[in-house]
Protein backbone atom coordinates (compact mmCIF):
# COMPACT_ATOMS: atom_id res chain seq x y z
CA TYR A 1 107.46 39.23 31.27
CA LYS A 2 110.42 38.42 29.00
CA TYR A 3 108.39 39.49 26.00
CA LYS A 4 111.48 40.05 23.85
CA GLU A 5 112.51 36.43 24.34
CA ILE A 6 109.02 35.27 23.38
CA LEU A 7 108.96 37.49 20.27
CA LYS A 8 112.32 36.09 19.14
CA ARG A 9 110.87 32.58 19.19
CA THR A 10 107.44 33.09 17.68
CA ASP A 11 104.81 35.43 16.36
CA LEU A 12 101.80 36.04 18.58
CA ILE A 13 98.14 35.95 17.63
CA VAL A 14 96.34 38.78 19.38
CA ALA A 15 92.65 39.46 19.91
CA GLU A 16 92.14 43.05 21.00
CA ARG A 17 89.88 43.86 23.91
CA PRO A 18 87.23 46.54 23.47
CA GLY A 19 88.58 49.99 24.16
CA TYR A 20 92.22 48.96 23.77
CA ASN A 21 94.33 51.30 21.63
CA ARG A 22 97.04 49.55 19.63
CA ASP A 23 98.77 52.92 19.11
CA SER A 24 100.16 52.51 22.62
CA VAL A 25 102.05 49.34 21.59
CA SER A 26 105.62 49.64 20.33
CA ASP A 27 106.42 48.93 16.68
CA GLU A 28 108.81 46.20 17.86
CA ILE A 29 105.88 44.28 19.28
CA LEU A 30 103.45 45.05 16.46
CA GLU A 31 105.92 43.62 13.93
CA SER A 32 105.64 40.23 15.64
CA VAL A 33 101.91 39.99 16.19
CA ILE A 34 98.98 38.96 14.05
CA ILE A 35 95.86 40.82 15.10
CA VAL A 36 92.76 38.75 14.39
CA ASP A 37 89.37 40.11 13.49
CA HIS A 38 86.78 38.87 15.96
CA HIS A 39 83.61 39.71 17.82
CA PRO A 40 85.00 41.01 21.11
CA VAL A 41 83.61 39.99 24.45
CA LYS A 42 84.15 42.48 27.25
CA ALA A 43 84.63 39.75 29.85
CA SER A 44 88.09 38.99 31.17
CA SER A 45 89.07 35.60 32.56
CA THR A 46 88.52 37.10 36.01
CA ASP A 47 84.98 38.09 34.97
CA VAL A 48 84.40 34.55 33.68
CA ARG A 49 85.58 32.90 36.90
CA GLN A 50 83.59 35.27 39.09
CA GLY A 51 80.47 34.98 36.94
CA LEU A 52 80.63 31.17 36.98
CA GLN A 53 80.99 31.13 40.75
CA GLU A 54 78.00 33.45 41.10
CA GLY A 55 75.96 31.68 38.41
CA LEU A 56 75.79 34.88 36.36
CA PHE A 57 78.18 34.25 33.48
CA GLY A 58 76.60 34.41 30.05
CA ARG A 59 73.44 36.09 31.26
CA ASP A 60 74.13 39.58 30.02
CA GLU A 61 75.13 40.76 26.56
CA GLU A 62 78.60 41.91 27.55
CA THR A 63 79.73 38.56 28.96
CA GLU A 64 77.65 36.21 26.83
CA VAL A 65 79.62 33.50 25.06
CA PRO A 66 78.41 31.06 22.40
CA GLU A 67 76.60 28.00 23.77
CA SER A 68 79.38 25.73 22.43
CA VAL A 69 81.95 27.67 24.49
CA GLN A 70 79.80 27.49 27.61
CA LYS A 71 79.41 23.73 27.08
CA TYR A 72 83.19 23.31 26.69
CA ILE A 73 83.82 25.32 29.88
CA ASP A 74 81.34 23.13 31.75
CA GLU A 75 82.64 19.81 30.35
CA LYS A 76 86.28 20.62 31.09
CA GLU A 77 85.40 22.25 34.41
CA LEU A 78 87.38 25.32 33.45
CA TYR A 79 87.62 28.36 35.71
CA ARG A 80 86.59 26.29 38.74
C-alpha cells in the first residue's frame, strides 16, 4: 500500500522468507531495499499468534525462536 511513497522517504531493510524469490520483485523496489543475511524462520506472525494461543509456538524446528525472543514476547505480552 503506497509503497512508492514509502520508498521515496526511506530505504527498507528486508529479511526474506524461505522459498521467496526476489526475482519477482521489480528493480524499482530492489534499488531501495537492503536485504539482510539471517537464519530464516518459517513462521509468520499469524503462525506465532496461533501457536502462542495453542501453547505450541517454539516447540518444533520450523517455528522455534531463540529463548531471548520468546522471553521478550512473554514479557511484553506480544501477539496476545
